[in-house]
Protein backbone atom coordinates (compact mmCIF):
# COMPACT_ATOMS: atom_id res chain seq x y z
CA MET A 1 -7.34 -41.35 23.95
CA GLU A 2 -7.72 -37.77 25.12
CA GLN A 3 -9.53 -35.35 22.80
CA SER A 4 -8.50 -31.74 22.75
CA LYS A 5 -11.26 -29.18 23.03
CA GLU A 6 -11.25 -26.18 20.77
CA VAL A 7 -11.13 -22.93 22.67
CA ARG A 8 -12.62 -19.85 21.04
CA MET A 9 -12.14 -16.32 22.23
CA LYS A 10 -13.30 -13.00 20.89
CA LEU A 11 -10.61 -10.38 20.94
CA PRO A 12 -10.97 -6.77 19.84
CA ILE A 13 -9.11 -5.78 16.69
CA ASP A 14 -6.47 -3.08 17.04
CA TRP A 15 -6.58 -1.46 13.57
CA GLN A 16 -3.12 -0.29 12.52
CA ILE A 17 -2.41 1.98 9.54
CA PRO A 18 1.30 2.39 8.84
CA LYS A 19 2.45 6.01 8.99
CA ASP A 20 4.21 5.67 5.64
CA LEU A 21 1.16 4.24 3.84
CA SER A 22 0.28 6.62 1.03
CA SER A 23 -3.27 7.43 0.01
CA ARG A 24 -4.14 7.70 -3.65
CA TYR A 25 -7.21 9.07 -5.38
CA ALA A 26 -8.99 6.31 -7.29
CA THR A 27 -10.77 7.58 -10.39
CA HIS A 28 -11.51 4.12 -11.81
CA LEU A 29 -12.06 0.61 -10.51
CA VAL A 30 -11.90 -2.67 -12.42
CA VAL A 31 -13.46 -5.72 -10.77
CA GLN A 32 -12.69 -9.22 -12.00
CA HIS A 33 -13.59 -12.53 -10.43
CA THR A 34 -12.78 -16.20 -10.51
CA GLU A 35 -14.59 -19.07 -8.87
CA HIS A 36 -12.95 -18.33 -5.51
CA GLU A 37 -11.95 -14.68 -5.44
CA PHE A 38 -12.58 -11.12 -6.54
CA VAL A 39 -9.75 -8.95 -7.81
CA LEU A 40 -10.24 -5.20 -7.36
CA SER A 41 -7.80 -3.03 -9.31
CA PHE A 42 -7.74 0.67 -8.45
CA PHE A 43 -6.59 3.16 -11.08
CA GLU A 44 -5.85 6.86 -11.22
CA ILE A 45 -6.22 8.77 -14.45
CA LEU A 46 -4.62 12.18 -14.59
CA PRO A 47 -5.56 14.50 -17.43
CA PRO A 48 -2.67 15.41 -19.70
CA THR A 49 -0.93 18.67 -18.87
CA LEU A 50 -1.35 20.88 -21.91
CA PHE A 51 -0.32 24.53 -22.14
CA GLY A 52 -0.72 27.22 -24.73
CA ALA A 53 -3.38 28.97 -26.72
CA PRO A 54 -6.76 27.20 -27.00
CA GLU A 55 -6.14 26.21 -30.63
CA LEU A 56 -2.73 24.74 -29.68
CA VAL A 57 -4.25 22.78 -26.79
CA SER A 58 -7.00 21.48 -29.12
CA ALA A 59 -4.41 20.37 -31.67
CA LYS A 60 -2.42 18.55 -28.99
CA MET A 61 -5.61 16.88 -27.70
CA GLU A 62 -6.42 15.60 -31.17
CA GLN A 63 -2.97 14.01 -31.38
CA LEU A 64 -3.48 11.98 -28.20
CA LYS A 65 -4.12 8.29 -28.85
CA SER A 66 -4.86 7.36 -25.23
CA ILE A 67 -4.64 8.50 -21.65
CA GLU A 68 -2.71 6.38 -19.17
CA ALA A 69 -4.54 4.79 -16.25
CA GLU A 70 -2.05 3.85 -13.52
CA CYS A 71 -2.96 0.87 -11.36
CA PHE A 72 -1.73 1.75 -7.88
CA ALA A 73 -3.39 -1.01 -5.86
CA ARG A 74 -4.77 -4.47 -6.49
CA ILE A 75 -6.74 -6.14 -3.73
CA VAL A 76 -7.78 -9.81 -3.82
CA VAL A 77 -10.85 -10.70 -1.73
CA ALA A 78 -12.06 -14.24 -1.05
CA ALA A 79 -15.45 -14.75 -2.69
CA ASN A 80 -17.11 -15.71 0.60
CA ARG A 81 -16.00 -12.37 2.15
CA MET A 82 -17.22 -10.17 -0.72
CA PRO A 83 -20.90 -9.96 0.34
CA GLY A 84 -19.86 -8.55 3.74
CA PHE A 85 -17.55 -6.00 2.08
CA VAL A 86 -20.31 -4.92 -0.31
CA ALA A 87 -22.76 -4.60 2.61
CA VAL A 88 -20.35 -2.35 4.53
CA LEU A 89 -19.79 -0.18 1.45
CA GLN A 90 -23.55 0.06 0.80
CA GLU A 91 -24.26 0.96 4.43
CA ASN A 92 -21.67 3.74 4.37
CA LEU A 93 -22.89 5.05 1.03
CA GLU A 94 -26.41 5.27 2.46
CA LYS A 95 -25.10 7.13 5.54
CA TYR A 96 -23.21 9.51 3.26
CA ARG A 97 -26.27 10.17 1.10
CA SER A 98 -28.52 10.71 4.12
CA ARG A 99 -26.48 13.69 5.30
CA GLU A 100 -28.45 16.89 4.84
CA ASP A 101 -25.54 18.79 3.34
CA ILE A 102 -25.10 16.27 0.49
CA GLU A 103 -27.07 16.83 -2.68
CA GLU A 104 -28.00 13.91 -4.90
CA GLU A 105 -26.01 13.93 -8.11
């Protein structure tokens, strides 16, 4: 009986970003996890648009019961891939913070 040999090759990745892919500004992130995956939900909160005299704006603000957070993307990541994603984010955050023109907040 003939056994087939597994052939492995390394190929470069050609990263493609669709031209019609929209970018959104994430103001909040919710992370949930199960035994096998992480679910990252990205939200944008826009402040309410209020016009008028300061006392009118204050009165309208007091009437608000909540502010809507719109989830515009939900990404599911396999649990075994999450450490690598976190490492890449941490590395880039450190590079960002090491720039001379960035002040620590």
